[in-house]
C-alpha atoms as a PDB file:
ATOM      1  CA  MET A   1      12.370  83.561 -34.369  1.00  0.00           C
ATOM      2  CA  ALA A   2      11.792  84.077 -38.067  1.00  0.00           C
ATOM      3  CA  ARG A   3       8.369  83.278 -39.538  1.00  0.00           C
ATOM      4  CA  LYS A   4       8.148  80.414 -42.020  1.00  0.00           C
ATOM      5  CA  ASN A   5       7.406  82.799 -44.881  1.00  0.00           C
ATOM      6  CA  ASP A   6      10.603  84.717 -44.002  1.00  0.00           C
ATOM      7  CA  ALA A   7      12.792  81.628 -44.298  1.00  0.00           C
ATOM      8  CA  PHE A   8      13.121  81.969 -48.077  1.00  0.00           C
ATOM      9  CA  TYR A   9      14.940  85.282 -47.703  1.00  0.00           C
ATOM     10  CA  PHE A  10      17.160  84.244 -44.810  1.00  0.00           C
ATOM     11  CA  ASP A  11      18.084  80.998 -46.580  1.00  0.00           C
ATOM     12  CA  GLY A  12      18.935  82.992 -49.699  1.00  0.00           C
ATOM     13  CA  PHE A  13      21.131  85.406 -47.763  1.00  0.00           C
ATOM     14  CA  ARG A  14      22.934  82.476 -46.147  1.00  0.00           C
ATOM     15  CA  ASP A  15      23.437  80.779 -49.524  1.00  0.00           C
ATOM     16  CA  SER A  16      24.867  84.016 -50.944  1.00  0.00           C
ATOM     17  CA  ALA A  17      27.294  84.388 -48.040  1.00  0.00           C
ATOM     18  CA  GLU A  18      28.380  80.769 -48.360  1.00  0.00           C
ATOM     19  CA  HIS A  19      29.054  81.214 -52.082  1.00  0.00           C
ATOM     20  CA  ALA A  20      31.259  84.192 -51.226  1.00  0.00           C
ATOM     21  CA  LEU A  21      33.147  82.075 -48.701  1.00  0.00           C
ATOM     22  CA  ARG A  22      33.604  79.290 -51.266  1.00  0.00           C
ATOM     23  CA  ALA A  23      35.022  81.870 -53.686  1.00  0.00           C
ATOM     24  CA  ALA A  24      37.343  83.255 -50.988  1.00  0.00           C
ATOM     25  CA  ARG A  25      38.672  79.807 -50.120  1.00  0.00           C
ATOM     26  CA  LEU A  26      39.244  78.985 -53.772  1.00  0.00           C
ATOM     27  CA  LEU A  27      41.169  82.224 -54.307  1.00  0.00           C
ATOM     28  CA  SER A  28      43.200  81.586 -51.157  1.00  0.00           C
ATOM     29  CA  GLU A  29      44.066  78.090 -52.376  1.00  0.00           C
ATOM     30  CA  VAL A  30      45.130  79.458 -55.777  1.00  0.00           C
ATOM     31  CA  MET A  31      47.321  82.144 -54.253  1.00  0.00           C
ATOM     32  CA  HIS A  32      48.925  80.009 -51.546  1.00  0.00           C
ATOM     33  CA  ASP A  33      49.831  77.290 -54.055  1.00  0.00           C
ATOM     34  CA  TYR A  34      50.402  79.609 -56.980  1.00  0.00           C
ATOM     35  CA  ASP A  35      50.731  78.020 -60.407  1.00  0.00           C
ATOM     36  CA  PRO A  36      50.137  80.456 -63.297  1.00  0.00           C
ATOM     37  CA  SER A  37      49.661  77.567 -65.723  1.00  0.00           C
ATOM     38  CA  ARG A  38      46.488  76.501 -63.855  1.00  0.00           C
ATOM     39  CA  LEU A  39      44.824  79.917 -63.658  1.00  0.00           C
ATOM     40  CA  ARG A  40      42.551  79.310 -66.647  1.00  0.00           C
ATOM     41  CA  GLU A  41      41.243  76.119 -65.047  1.00  0.00           C
ATOM     42  CA  ARG A  42      40.708  77.779 -61.659  1.00  0.00           C
ATOM     43  CA  MET A  43      38.906  80.695 -63.313  1.00  0.00           C
ATOM     44  CA  ASP A  44      36.336  78.230 -64.643  1.00  0.00           C
ATOM     45  CA  GLU A  45      35.812  76.902 -61.106  1.00  0.00           C
ATOM     46  CA  MET A  46      35.418  80.421 -59.797  1.00  0.00           C
ATOM     47  CA  HIS A  47      32.946  81.337 -62.515  1.00  0.00           C
ATOM     48  CA  HIS A  48      30.703  78.419 -61.554  1.00  0.00           C
ATOM     49  CA  ILE A  49      30.596  79.788 -57.999  1.00  0.00           C
ATOM     50  CA  GLU A  50      29.849  83.300 -59.271  1.00  0.00           C
ATOM     51  CA  GLN A  51      27.026  82.020 -61.494  1.00  0.00           C
ATOM     52  CA  ALA A  52      25.503  80.094 -58.582  1.00  0.00           C
ATOM     53  CA  ALA A  53      25.627  83.262 -56.479  1.00  0.00           C
ATOM     54  CA  ASP A  54      23.910  85.212 -59.268  1.00  0.00           C
ATOM     55  CA  GLU A  55      21.129  82.611 -59.401  1.00  0.00           C
ATOM     56  CA  VAL A  56      20.483  83.026 -55.677  1.00  0.00           C
ATOM     57  CA  ARG A  57      20.231  86.786 -56.081  1.00  0.00           C
ATOM     58  CA  HIS A  58      17.876  86.474 -59.037  1.00  0.00           C
ATOM     59  CA  ARG A  59      15.573  84.146 -57.081  1.00  0.00           C
ATOM     60  CA  LEU A  60      15.505  86.582 -54.171  1.00  0.00           C
ATOM     61  CA  MET A  61      14.660  89.490 -56.446  1.00  0.00           C
ATOM     62  CA  ASP A  62      11.949  87.523 -58.295  1.00  0.00           C
ATOM     63  CA  GLU A  63      10.311  86.641 -54.985  1.00  0.00           C
ATOM     64  CA  LEU A  64      10.612  90.185 -53.688  1.00  0.00           C
ATOM     65  CA  VAL A  65       8.644  91.573 -56.643  1.00  0.00           C
ATOM     66  CA  THR A  66       5.534  89.566 -55.756  1.00  0.00           C
ATOM     67  CA  ALA A  67       5.889  89.125 -51.987  1.00  0.00           C
ATOM     68  CA  PHE A  68       3.105  90.446 -49.778  1.00  0.00           C
ATOM     69  CA  ILE A  69       4.962  90.163 -46.455  1.00  0.00           C
ATOM     70  CA  THR A  70       8.747  90.490 -46.007  1.00  0.00           C
ATOM     71  CA  PRO A  71      10.910  90.134 -42.873  1.00  0.00           C
ATOM     72  CA  PHE A  72      12.083  93.743 -43.160  1.00  0.00           C
ATOM     73  CA  GLU A  73      11.908  96.573 -45.675  1.00  0.00           C
ATOM     74  CA  ARG A  74      12.076  95.598 -49.341  1.00  0.00           C
ATOM     75  CA  GLU A  75      14.808  98.145 -50.049  1.00  0.00           C
ATOM     76  CA  ASP A  76      16.987  96.595 -47.343  1.00  0.00           C
ATOM     77  CA  ILE A  77      16.406  93.092 -48.688  1.00  0.00           C
ATOM     78  CA  ALA A  78      17.400  94.222 -52.182  1.00  0.00           C
ATOM     79  CA  GLN A  79      20.460  96.062 -50.880  1.00  0.00           C
ATOM     80  CA  LEU A  80      21.644  93.161 -48.758  1.00  0.00           C
ATOM     81  CA  SER A  81      21.211  90.715 -51.625  1.00  0.00           C
ATOM     82  CA  SER A  82      23.151  92.990 -53.972  1.00  0.00           C
ATOM     83  CA  THR A  83      25.921  93.673 -51.462  1.00  0.00           C
ATOM     84  CA  LEU A  84      26.410  89.974 -50.729  1.00  0.00           C
ATOM     85  CA  ASP A  85      26.665  89.298 -54.461  1.00  0.00           C
ATOM     86  CA  ASP A  86      29.261  92.066 -54.785  1.00  0.00           C
ATOM     87  CA  VAL A  87      31.613  90.129 -52.489  1.00  0.00           C
ATOM     88  CA  THR A  88      31.669  87.098 -54.792  1.00  0.00           C
ATOM     89  CA  ASP A  89      32.024  89.277 -57.884  1.00  0.00           C
ATOM     90  CA  ARG A  90      34.973  91.135 -56.363  1.00  0.00           C
ATOM     91  CA  ILE A  91      36.743  87.921 -55.382  1.00  0.00           C
ATOM     92  CA  GLU A  92      36.365  86.614 -58.926  1.00  0.00           C
ATOM     93  CA  GLY A  93      37.827  89.929 -60.080  1.00  0.00           C
ATOM     94  CA  VAL A  94      41.051  89.267 -58.160  1.00  0.00           C
ATOM     95  CA  LEU A  95      41.535  85.947 -59.922  1.00  0.00           C
ATOM     96  CA  LEU A  96      40.818  87.491 -63.311  1.00  0.00           C
ATOM     97  CA  ARG A  97      43.484  90.132 -62.714  1.00  0.00           C
ATOM     98  CA  LEU A  98      46.074  87.533 -61.727  1.00  0.00           C
ATOM     99  CA  TYR A  99      45.380  85.931 -65.099  1.00  0.00           C
ATOM    100  CA  TYR A 100      45.079  88.782 -67.569  1.00  0.00           C
ATOM    101  CA  ASP A 101      47.765  90.969 -65.954  1.00  0.00           C
ATOM    102  CA  ASN A 102      50.092  87.944 -66.193  1.00  0.00           C
ATOM    103  CA  VAL A 103      51.173  87.791 -62.555  1.00  0.00           C
ATOM    104  CA  THR A 104      53.983  85.233 -62.514  1.00  0.00           C
ATOM    105  CA  ASP A 105      55.056  85.175 -58.844  1.00  0.00           C
ATOM    106  CA  MET A 106      53.147  85.547 -55.605  1.00  0.00           C
ATOM    107  CA  ARG A 107      54.014  88.231 -53.053  1.00  0.00           C
ATOM    108  CA  PRO A 108      53.905  87.441 -49.301  1.00  0.00           C
ATOM    109  CA  ASP A 109      51.838  90.478 -48.367  1.00  0.00           C
ATOM    110  CA  ALA A 110      49.233  89.457 -50.949  1.00  0.00           C
ATOM    111  CA  LEU A 111      48.878  86.177 -49.073  1.00  0.00           C
ATOM    112  CA  GLN A 112      48.297  88.119 -45.866  1.00  0.00           C
ATOM    113  CA  LEU A 113      45.583  90.127 -47.598  1.00  0.00           C
ATOM    114  CA  VAL A 114      43.827  87.070 -49.001  1.00  0.00           C
ATOM    115  CA  ASP A 115      43.917  85.492 -45.526  1.00  0.00           C
ATOM    116  CA  MET A 116      42.263  88.616 -44.092  1.00  0.00           C
ATOM    117  CA  MET A 117      39.661  88.523 -46.833  1.00  0.00           C
ATOM    118  CA  THR A 118      38.884  84.878 -46.119  1.00  0.00           C
ATOM    119  CA  ARG A 119      38.494  85.603 -42.403  1.00  0.00           C
ATOM    120  CA  SER A 120      36.090  88.407 -43.254  1.00  0.00           C
ATOM    121  CA  CYS A 121      34.017  86.041 -45.382  1.00  0.00           C
ATOM    122  CA  GLU A 122      33.993  83.427 -42.626  1.00  0.00           C
ATOM    123  CA  ARG A 123      32.790  86.027 -40.141  1.00  0.00           C
ATOM    124  CA  MET A 124      30.255  87.301 -42.690  1.00  0.00           C
ATOM    125  CA  VAL A 125      28.703  83.832 -42.938  1.00  0.00           C
ATOM    126  CA  ARG A 126      28.350  83.719 -39.163  1.00  0.00           C
ATOM    127  CA  LEU A 127      26.793  87.187 -39.222  1.00  0.00           C
ATOM    128  CA  ILE A 128      24.232  86.162 -41.837  1.00  0.00           C
ATOM    129  CA  GLU A 129      23.440  82.990 -39.882  1.00  0.00           C
ATOM    130  CA  GLU A 130      22.440  85.251 -36.987  1.00  0.00           C
ATOM    131  CA  LEU A 131      20.195  87.416 -39.153  1.00  0.00           C
ATOM    132  CA  PRO A 132      16.948  85.465 -38.556  1.00  0.00           C
ATOM    133  CA  ARG A 133      17.405  86.264 -34.846  1.00  0.00           C
ATOM    134  CA  PHE A 134      18.472  89.873 -35.421  1.00  0.00           C
ATOM    135  CA  LYS A 135      16.121  91.253 -32.752  1.00  0.00           C
ATOM    136  CA  HIS A 136      17.516  89.025 -30.018  1.00  0.00           C
ATOM    137  CA  SER A 137      20.980  87.875 -31.130  1.00  0.00           C
ATOM    138  CA  ARG A 138      23.756  88.276 -28.575  1.00  0.00           C
ATOM    139  CA  THR A 139      26.577  87.767 -31.099  1.00  0.00           C
ATOM    140  CA  LEU A 140      25.461  89.713 -34.180  1.00  0.00           C
ATOM    141  CA  ARG A 141      27.102  92.962 -33.082  1.00  0.00           C
ATOM    142  CA  GLU A 142      30.312  91.085 -32.303  1.00  0.00           C
ATOM    143  CA  HIS A 143      30.440  89.786 -35.888  1.00  0.00           C
ATOM    144  CA  VAL A 144      29.895  93.306 -37.249  1.00  0.00           C
ATOM    145  CA  PHE A 145      32.725  94.613 -35.062  1.00  0.00           C
ATOM    146  CA  GLU A 146      35.156  91.884 -36.155  1.00  0.00           C
ATOM    147  CA  ILE A 147      34.409  92.447 -39.844  1.00  0.00           C
ATOM    148  CA  ASN A 148      35.005  96.167 -39.402  1.00  0.00           C
ATOM    149  CA  LYS A 149      38.264  95.517 -37.546  1.00  0.00           C
ATOM    150  CA  THR A 150      39.546  93.194 -40.268  1.00  0.00           C
ATOM    151  CA  GLU A 151      38.750  95.837 -42.876  1.00  0.00           C
ATOM    152  CA  GLU A 152      40.813  98.387 -40.928  1.00  0.00           C
ATOM    153  CA  ASP A 153      43.710  95.915 -40.658  1.00  0.00           C
ATOM    154  CA  ALA A 154      43.498  95.245 -44.401  1.00  0.00           C
ATOM    155  CA  ASP A 155      43.587  98.996 -45.103  1.00  0.00           C
ATOM    156  CA  ARG A 156      46.840  99.332 -43.174  1.00  0.00           C
ATOM    157  CA  LEU A 157      48.403  96.308 -44.842  1.00  0.00           C
ATOM    158  CA  PHE A 158      47.309  97.604 -48.263  1.00  0.00           C
ATOM    159  CA  VAL A 159      49.178 100.880 -47.697  1.00  0.00           C
ATOM    160  CA  GLU A 160      52.362  99.056 -46.688  1.00  0.00           C
ATOM    161  CA  ALA A 161      52.070  96.569 -49.553  1.00  0.00           C
ATOM    162  CA  MET A 162      51.677  99.360 -52.081  1.00  0.00           C
ATOM    163  CA  ARG A 163      54.657 101.197 -50.602  1.00  0.00           C
ATOM    164  CA  ALA A 164      56.811  98.064 -50.851  1.00  0.00           C
ATOM    165  CA  LEU A 165      55.623  97.469 -54.421  1.00  0.00           C
ATOM    166  CA  HIS A 166      56.439 100.964 -55.646  1.00  0.00           C
ATOM    167  CA  THR A 167      59.806 101.160 -53.890  1.00  0.00           C
ATOM    168  CA  GLY A 168      61.025  97.608 -54.458  1.00  0.00           C
ATOM    169  CA  CYS A 169      59.808  96.464 -57.880  1.00  0.00           C
ATOM    170  CA  ASP A 170      61.658  97.586 -61.026  1.00  0.00           C
ATOM    171  CA  ASP A 171      59.287  96.007 -63.557  1.00  0.00           C
ATOM    172  CA  PRO A 172      56.614  98.599 -64.474  1.00  0.00           C
ATOM    173  CA  LEU A 173      54.282  95.933 -65.866  1.00  0.00           C
ATOM    174  CA  GLN A 174      54.362  94.005 -62.594  1.00  0.00           C
ATOM    175  CA  VAL A 175      53.874  97.229 -60.636  1.00  0.00           C
ATOM    176  CA  PHE A 176      50.734  97.883 -62.682  1.00  0.00           C
ATOM    177  CA  ALA A 177      49.518  94.299 -62.308  1.00  0.00           C
ATOM    178  CA  TRP A 178      50.020  94.190 -58.557  1.00  0.00           C
ATOM    179  CA  HIS A 179      48.478  97.613 -58.107  1.00  0.00           C
ATOM    180  CA  GLU A 180      45.265  96.134 -59.537  1.00  0.00           C
ATOM    181  CA  VAL A 181      45.481  92.914 -57.520  1.00  0.00           C
ATOM    182  CA  TYR A 182      46.163  94.659 -54.213  1.00  0.00           C
ATOM    183  CA  ALA A 183      43.367  97.153 -54.791  1.00  0.00           C
ATOM    184  CA  HIS A 184      40.829  94.410 -55.501  1.00  0.00           C
ATOM    185  CA  LEU A 185      41.934  92.329 -52.507  1.00  0.00           C
ATOM    186  CA  GLU A 186      41.498  95.320 -50.218  1.00  0.00           C
ATOM    187  CA  ARG A 187      38.100  96.089 -51.739  1.00  0.00           C
ATOM    188  CA  CYS A 188      36.977  92.536 -50.945  1.00  0.00           C
ATOM    189  CA  THR A 189      37.263  93.364 -47.252  1.00  0.00           C
ATOM    190  CA  ASP A 190      35.474  96.660 -47.956  1.00  0.00           C
ATOM    191  CA  ASP A 191      32.618  94.700 -49.528  1.00  0.00           C
ATOM    192  CA  CYS A 192      32.366  92.431 -46.477  1.00  0.00           C
ATOM    193  CA  GLU A 193      32.200  95.552 -44.328  1.00  0.00           C
ATOM    194  CA  HIS A 194      29.403  96.899 -46.541  1.00  0.00           C
ATOM    195  CA  VAL A 195      27.429  93.705 -45.857  1.00  0.00           C
ATOM    196  CA  ALA A 196      27.989  94.185 -42.123  1.00  0.00           C
ATOM    197  CA  ASP A 197      26.878  97.824 -42.379  1.00  0.00           C
ATOM    198  CA  VAL A 198      23.650  96.866 -44.171  1.00  0.00           C
ATOM    199  CA  VAL A 199      22.887  94.235 -41.535  1.00  0.00           C
ATOM    200  CA  ASP A 200      23.670  96.756 -38.801  1.00  0.00           C
ATOM    201  CA  GLY A 201      21.255  99.201 -40.419  1.00  0.00           C
ATOM    202  CA  VAL A 202      18.514  96.564 -40.547  1.00  0.00           C
ATOM    203  CA  VAL A 203      18.982  95.862 -36.849  1.00  0.00           C
ATOM    204  CA  MET A 204      18.864  99.545 -35.923  1.00  0.00           C
ATOM    205  CA  LYS A 205      15.697 100.180 -37.949  1.00  0.00           C
ATOM    206  CA  ASN A 206      13.857  97.113 -36.670  1.00  0.00           C
ATOM    207  CA  SER A 207      14.843  96.956 -33.013  1.00  0.00           C
END
């Protein structure tokens, strides 16, 4: 059980993970019901989420500077906070690329990738919810494993999507645009895996 003075950090980690999941669900909604004319509006929504996530990280870092007791090593707290924030930033990056690379039509394999990314974020939230009980949790390792597995599945889909793009699309501008979008979608699952790896490291060092 986490001490009361640890709750600030665990609550902040959970808030960060939930912001990432909100961003993932917004991106999924945009891509599944794709309307290029609304991208500017949806970017504003996404930016509000990203700013809220930044505020959580800043509060965590401000507290960490002056804290006397922390639930685990300061370097791990800083790394986990930063890595969680990276997920939200990367998701916003996908939406930005849809906009400024002028993607006009959605590709089915991109929808598969965004669904994988959203599942990773959902599992990441559950992982972070287990963090206060990291010394005794029976499900934490299962969440780490599932996030890693989704990242491997996304890697394979990314390779096939890129192959289909480069062999089936004749518009070089769209090839360039989708190259960027696919790469950022795949990196979103990488970022979720990085969160899981940091949490796994915390558990190993403190068990």
